[in-house]
Amino acid sequence: TPVIAYSLQSEFSWERDEANVLLDLLQADLTMRMEALEQGYVPAETRARNATSWSTMSTTAVRGQDVEGDVVIGPLLEAPTWAQSAPWNDLCPTDSTTGAQSAVGCAATALAQILNYYRYPSSVAFSSSDSYVTLKRQVALDATDASLQEIEYGSKVHHNPSDGTMGRLSFAAGVSVKMDYTSAGSGAYAIDIAVALAGGNVPITSSRGVRPKTWQYESADIRTCVNTHWGDPFYKTVDAFYLDIREDLQEGQPVILCVVTAGTSTGHILI
């Protein structure tokens, strides 16, 4: 397709930097698209549709003019999106090796934005049984420090709250998924986001044994188009997977997406 991603708020950075995850994601995506095209995996009707899109966009005279049939959904979240440095990581533990503040972690950042989007719950409580020791730095975390008697969301629906609230909510989100904190990057399992939100039925996969339904949500559906062994209802064909995403967005429900480099455990969680 002619347009893979765009922003009305900022310019795309082409700098090779470990923090520029979007560049890595786009390059990997385009590489796989080209390989699929060369190996004949792209259906003829899809190639024809893409060719028409290229032709239409190449001849459109007015910048920003909609292509007939285009449907724009969102943005559902306030831009710019949340990040993993200050003020979001103000309450995250200090890295015992570097002496620097740990990063929020992409799983916590995505989860915190979901909580803020729905402005729910109004509070969250952790007990000593939720406390844990991080894996890489062996930092003992007292989970009760992440409890929030009142979460002061933004004054307007779907708008960002104060810096203080974003920091507190980001830390609480991290503790709820047992974030492994370091200053170079903090990690958690994507599956644990759904567990912490709503518990319920989950596939057999890696988890850190987080407390189910910490955030008291009714549902948080888990879907994959990669892990066939997860089976029904978790595994979906690629077309069905993206159709589910489209329908969720059309219904005003943000989606948390986990992307992993094939053959590795390296990945990113985004919303």
Protein backbone atom coordinates (compact mmCIF):
# COMPACT_ATOMS: atom_id res chain seq x y z
CA THR A 1 0.00 0.00 0.00
CA PRO A 2 1.21 3.58 -0.63
CA VAL A 3 0.83 4.73 2.98
CA ILE A 4 2.05 2.54 5.84
CA ALA A 5 1.88 5.13 8.64
CA TYR A 6 1.58 8.87 9.06
CA SER A 7 1.39 11.56 11.73
CA LEU A 8 -0.19 14.99 11.71
CA GLN A 9 1.79 16.07 14.78
CA SER A 10 5.44 15.24 14.08
CA GLU A 11 8.03 14.25 11.49
CA PHE A 12 9.39 10.73 11.22
CA SER A 13 12.96 10.18 12.43
CA TRP A 14 15.31 8.13 10.26
CA GLU A 15 18.03 8.01 12.93
CA ARG A 16 19.32 4.54 13.77
CA ASP A 17 18.74 4.45 17.52
CA GLU A 18 17.61 1.67 19.87
CA ALA A 19 14.85 3.97 21.08
CA ASN A 20 13.52 4.42 17.52
CA VAL A 21 11.44 1.25 17.59
CA LEU A 22 9.09 2.47 14.86
CA LEU A 23 11.94 2.58 12.34
CA ASP A 24 12.85 -1.04 13.09
CA LEU A 25 9.21 -2.04 12.91
CA LEU A 26 8.63 -0.35 9.55
CA GLN A 27 11.81 -1.73 8.00
CA ALA A 28 10.97 -5.27 9.13
CA ASP A 29 7.39 -4.88 7.92
CA LEU A 30 8.42 -3.61 4.48
CA THR A 31 11.06 -6.34 4.13
CA MET A 32 8.48 -9.03 4.83
CA ARG A 33 6.00 -7.37 2.45
CA MET A 34 8.56 -7.46 -0.36
CA GLU A 35 9.46 -11.08 0.38
CA ALA A 36 5.78 -12.06 0.37
CA LEU A 37 5.31 -10.28 -2.97
CA GLU A 38 8.36 -11.91 -4.57
CA GLN A 39 7.35 -15.37 -3.34
CA GLY A 40 3.82 -15.05 -4.67
CA TYR A 41 2.00 -14.95 -1.35
CA VAL A 42 0.12 -11.73 -2.14
CA PRO A 43 -3.20 -12.48 -3.91
CA ALA A 44 -3.78 -10.98 -7.34
CA GLU A 45 -6.76 -8.94 -6.11
CA THR A 46 -4.61 -7.40 -3.37
CA ARG A 47 -1.88 -6.47 -5.85
CA ALA A 48 -4.48 -4.91 -8.14
CA ARG A 49 -6.02 -2.94 -5.28
CA ASN A 50 -2.60 -1.66 -4.19
CA ALA A 51 -1.72 -0.67 -7.76
CA THR A 52 -4.93 1.36 -7.95
CA SER A 53 -4.12 3.06 -4.65
CA TRP A 54 -0.63 3.96 -5.88
CA SER A 55 -2.06 5.41 -9.08
CA THR A 56 -4.75 7.40 -7.28
CA MET A 57 -2.40 8.88 -4.70
CA SER A 58 0.22 9.72 -7.32
CA THR A 59 -2.28 11.80 -9.28
CA THR A 60 -4.22 13.43 -6.43
CA ALA A 61 -3.70 17.17 -6.89
CA VAL A 62 -4.76 18.48 -3.51
CA ARG A 63 -2.56 17.54 -0.59
CA GLY A 64 -4.56 15.81 2.09
CA GLN A 65 -7.46 15.03 -0.21
CA ASP A 66 -9.22 11.81 0.79
CA VAL A 67 -9.18 8.89 -1.59
CA GLU A 68 -12.72 7.73 -2.35
CA GLY A 69 -13.65 4.92 -0.01
CA ASP A 70 -11.08 5.80 2.64
CA VAL A 71 -12.30 5.62 6.23
CA VAL A 72 -10.27 7.40 8.89
CA ILE A 73 -10.70 6.10 12.44
CA GLY A 74 -9.37 8.11 15.34
CA PRO A 75 -7.02 9.06 16.72
CA LEU A 76 -8.62 7.62 19.85
CA LEU A 77 -5.83 8.77 22.16
CA GLU A 78 -4.47 12.24 22.78
CA ALA A 79 -1.18 12.94 20.99
CA PRO A 80 1.66 12.99 21.72
CA THR A 81 1.49 9.54 23.22
CA TRP A 82 3.04 8.62 26.54
CA ALA A 83 6.73 7.76 26.84
CA GLN A 84 9.05 5.85 29.17
CA SER A 85 11.26 8.64 30.53
CA ALA A 86 10.38 11.55 32.86
CA PRO A 87 7.74 12.32 34.04
CA TRP A 88 6.34 8.86 33.30
CA ASN A 89 9.18 7.00 35.07
CA ASP A 90 9.46 9.31 38.09
CA LEU A 91 8.35 6.55 40.48
CA CYS A 92 10.12 3.65 38.78
CA PRO A 93 12.99 2.09 40.78
CA THR A 94 16.61 3.16 40.36
CA ASP A 95 18.73 0.77 38.31
CA SER A 96 21.19 -0.71 40.83
CA THR A 97 23.84 -1.14 38.12
CA THR A 98 23.70 2.23 36.34
CA GLY A 99 22.29 4.40 39.11
CA ALA A 100 19.79 5.83 36.62
CA GLN A 101 16.02 5.80 36.80
CA SER A 102 14.50 2.70 35.20
CA ALA A 103 12.36 3.00 32.08
CA VAL A 104 8.60 2.58 32.45
CA GLY A 105 8.46 -0.37 30.04
CA CYS A 106 6.32 -0.51 26.92
CA ALA A 107 3.81 -2.92 28.49
CA ALA A 108 3.15 -0.51 31.36
CA THR A 109 2.99 2.49 29.03
CA ALA A 110 0.38 0.82 26.85
CA LEU A 111 -1.63 -0.42 29.84
CA ALA A 112 -1.59 3.00 31.53
CA GLN A 113 -2.96 4.62 28.38
CA ILE A 114 -5.80 2.10 28.26
CA LEU A 115 -6.66 2.85 31.89
CA ASN A 116 -6.60 6.58 31.21
CA TYR A 117 -8.69 6.18 28.05
CA TYR A 118 -11.51 4.47 29.92
CA ARG A 119 -10.94 6.54 33.08
CA TYR A 120 -11.31 3.37 35.11
CA PRO A 121 -10.85 2.29 37.85
CA SER A 122 -10.99 5.17 40.32
CA SER A 123 -8.41 3.48 42.56
CA VAL A 124 -6.17 0.42 42.77
CA ALA A 125 -4.78 -1.44 45.78
CA PHE A 126 -1.78 -3.75 45.98
CA SER A 127 -0.92 -5.98 48.92
CA SER A 128 2.38 -7.40 50.14
CA SER A 129 1.58 -10.61 48.25
CA ASP A 130 1.94 -8.63 45.01
CA SER A 131 5.52 -7.64 45.87
CA TYR A 132 8.31 -9.22 43.84
CA VAL A 133 12.02 -9.11 43.00
CA THR A 134 13.01 -7.99 39.49
CA LEU A 135 14.89 -10.53 37.39
CA LYS A 136 17.83 -8.65 35.87
CA ARG A 137 18.74 -6.27 38.71
CA GLN A 138 17.27 -8.20 41.65
CA VAL A 139 15.50 -5.11 42.98
CA ALA A 140 12.95 -5.87 45.70
CA LEU A 141 9.74 -3.99 44.94
CA ASP A 142 7.15 -3.30 47.62
CA ALA A 143 3.94 -3.42 45.58
CA THR A 144 2.00 -1.47 48.20
CA ASP A 145 3.99 1.61 47.13
CA ALA A 146 2.07 1.50 43.83
CA SER A 147 -1.39 1.62 45.44
CA LEU A 148 -3.52 4.61 44.45
CA GLN A 149 -6.41 5.66 46.67
CA GLU A 150 -7.67 7.98 43.97
CA ILE A 151 -6.66 8.17 40.32
CA GLU A 152 -7.09 11.73 39.05
CA TYR A 153 -7.70 11.24 35.35
CA GLY A 154 -7.73 14.12 32.88
CA SER A 155 -10.53 16.66 33.12
CA LYS A 156 -11.67 15.74 29.61
CA VAL A 157 -12.46 12.25 28.37
CA HIS A 158 -9.50 10.62 26.58
CA HIS A 159 -7.16 13.54 27.41
CA ASN A 160 -3.90 13.13 29.28
CA PRO A 161 -3.96 13.79 33.04
CA SER A 162 -1.27 15.69 34.96
CA ASP A 163 2.38 14.63 34.88
CA GLY A 164 2.07 13.35 38.44
CA THR A 165 -0.90 11.14 37.60
CA MET A 166 0.81 9.78 34.49
CA GLY A 167 3.86 8.87 36.57
CA ARG A 168 1.82 7.19 39.31
CA LEU A 169 -0.39 5.34 36.85
CA SER A 170 2.61 4.18 34.79
CA PHE A 171 4.31 2.75 37.89
CA ALA A 172 1.13 1.05 39.11
CA ALA A 173 0.64 -0.45 35.66
CA GLY A 174 4.21 -1.76 35.73
CA VAL A 175 3.83 -3.36 39.15
CA SER A 176 0.57 -5.01 38.05
CA VAL A 177 2.43 -6.90 35.27
CA LYS A 178 5.56 -7.53 37.40
CA MET A 179 7.75 -5.34 35.24
CA ASP A 180 11.43 -6.27 35.11
CA TYR A 181 12.92 -2.80 35.57
CA THR A 182 16.27 -1.53 34.19
CA SER A 183 17.38 1.86 32.90
CA ALA A 184 18.26 0.35 29.51
CA GLY A 185 14.74 -0.95 29.05
CA SER A 186 12.07 -2.62 31.17
CA GLY A 187 10.21 -5.74 30.10
CA ALA A 188 7.04 -7.70 30.80
CA TYR A 189 4.91 -10.27 29.02
CA ALA A 190 2.15 -8.91 26.80
CA ILE A 191 -0.18 -11.67 27.94
CA ASP A 192 0.02 -10.35 31.50
CA ILE A 193 -1.60 -7.07 30.45
CA ALA A 194 -4.83 -8.93 29.72
CA VAL A 195 -4.50 -10.95 32.92
CA ALA A 196 -3.99 -7.82 35.04
CA LEU A 197 -6.91 -6.08 33.33
CA ALA A 198 -9.57 -8.76 33.44
CA GLY A 199 -8.15 -12.21 34.18
CA GLY A 200 -10.29 -14.84 32.52
CA ASN A 201 -9.38 -17.38 29.86
CA VAL A 202 -5.79 -17.10 28.60
CA PRO A 203 -3.67 -19.32 26.33
CA ILE A 204 -0.88 -21.48 27.70
CA THR A 205 2.16 -19.26 27.23
CA SER A 206 4.81 -17.31 29.14
CA SER A 207 3.53 -15.39 32.17
CA ARG A 208 4.97 -14.06 35.41
CA GLY A 209 1.99 -15.14 37.46
CA VAL A 210 0.49 -11.68 37.92
CA ARG A 211 -2.64 -11.18 40.01
CA PRO A 212 -5.72 -11.61 37.78
CA LYS A 213 -8.13 -8.71 37.39
CA THR A 214 -6.05 -6.20 39.32
CA TRP A 215 -7.77 -3.42 37.36
CA GLN A 216 -11.28 -4.95 37.61
CA TYR A 217 -12.15 -4.88 33.90
CA GLU A 218 -14.87 -7.18 32.57
CA SER A 219 -12.95 -8.39 29.52
CA ALA A 220 -9.65 -8.12 27.67
CA ASP A 221 -9.63 -10.35 24.60
CA ILE A 222 -6.37 -11.98 23.50
CA ARG A 223 -5.76 -12.73 19.81
CA THR A 224 -2.80 -13.90 17.72
CA CYS A 225 -2.23 -14.50 14.03
CA VAL A 226 1.17 -16.13 14.66
CA ASN A 227 0.88 -18.67 17.49
CA THR A 228 -1.24 -21.37 15.88
CA HIS A 229 -0.75 -23.66 18.89
CA TRP A 230 -2.83 -21.30 21.03
CA GLY A 231 -5.89 -22.65 19.24
CA ASP A 232 -9.45 -21.36 19.41
CA PRO A 233 -10.52 -18.70 20.37
CA PHE A 234 -7.06 -17.09 20.50
CA TYR A 235 -5.63 -17.96 17.09
CA LYS A 236 -7.01 -16.11 14.07
CA THR A 237 -6.02 -16.06 10.43
CA VAL A 238 -4.20 -12.89 9.39
CA ASP A 239 -7.30 -11.48 7.66
CA ALA A 240 -9.55 -12.25 10.64
CA PHE A 241 -6.95 -10.85 13.05
CA TYR A 242 -6.82 -7.47 11.33
CA LEU A 243 -10.58 -7.44 10.86
CA ASP A 244 -10.94 -7.79 14.64
CA ILE A 245 -8.58 -4.84 15.12
CA ARG A 246 -10.55 -2.74 12.65
CA GLU A 247 -13.85 -3.56 14.34
CA ASP A 248 -12.46 -2.74 17.78
CA LEU A 249 -11.22 0.64 16.59
CA GLN A 250 -14.52 1.40 14.87
CA GLU A 251 -16.24 0.74 18.19
CA GLY A 252 -13.90 3.14 19.98
CA GLN A 253 -11.86 0.42 21.66
CA PRO A 254 -8.06 0.95 21.50
CA VAL A 255 -5.94 -2.11 20.73
CA ILE A 256 -2.66 -3.14 22.37
CA LEU A 257 -0.39 -4.78 19.79
CA CYS A 258 2.67 -6.91 20.55
CA VAL A 259 5.27 -7.25 17.78
CA VAL A 260 8.25 -9.59 18.06
CA THR A 261 11.27 -10.05 15.80
CA ALA A 262 10.98 -13.53 14.28
CA GLY A 263 13.22 -16.10 15.93
CA THR A 264 14.02 -13.87 18.91
CA SER A 265 12.48 -12.75 22.19
CA THR A 266 13.00 -9.10 21.24
CA GLY A 267 9.85 -7.12 20.65
CA HIS A 268 7.76 -4.09 21.47
CA ILE A 269 4.28 -3.45 22.80
CA LEU A 270 2.38 -0.49 21.39
CA ILE A 271 -1.12 0.88 21.37
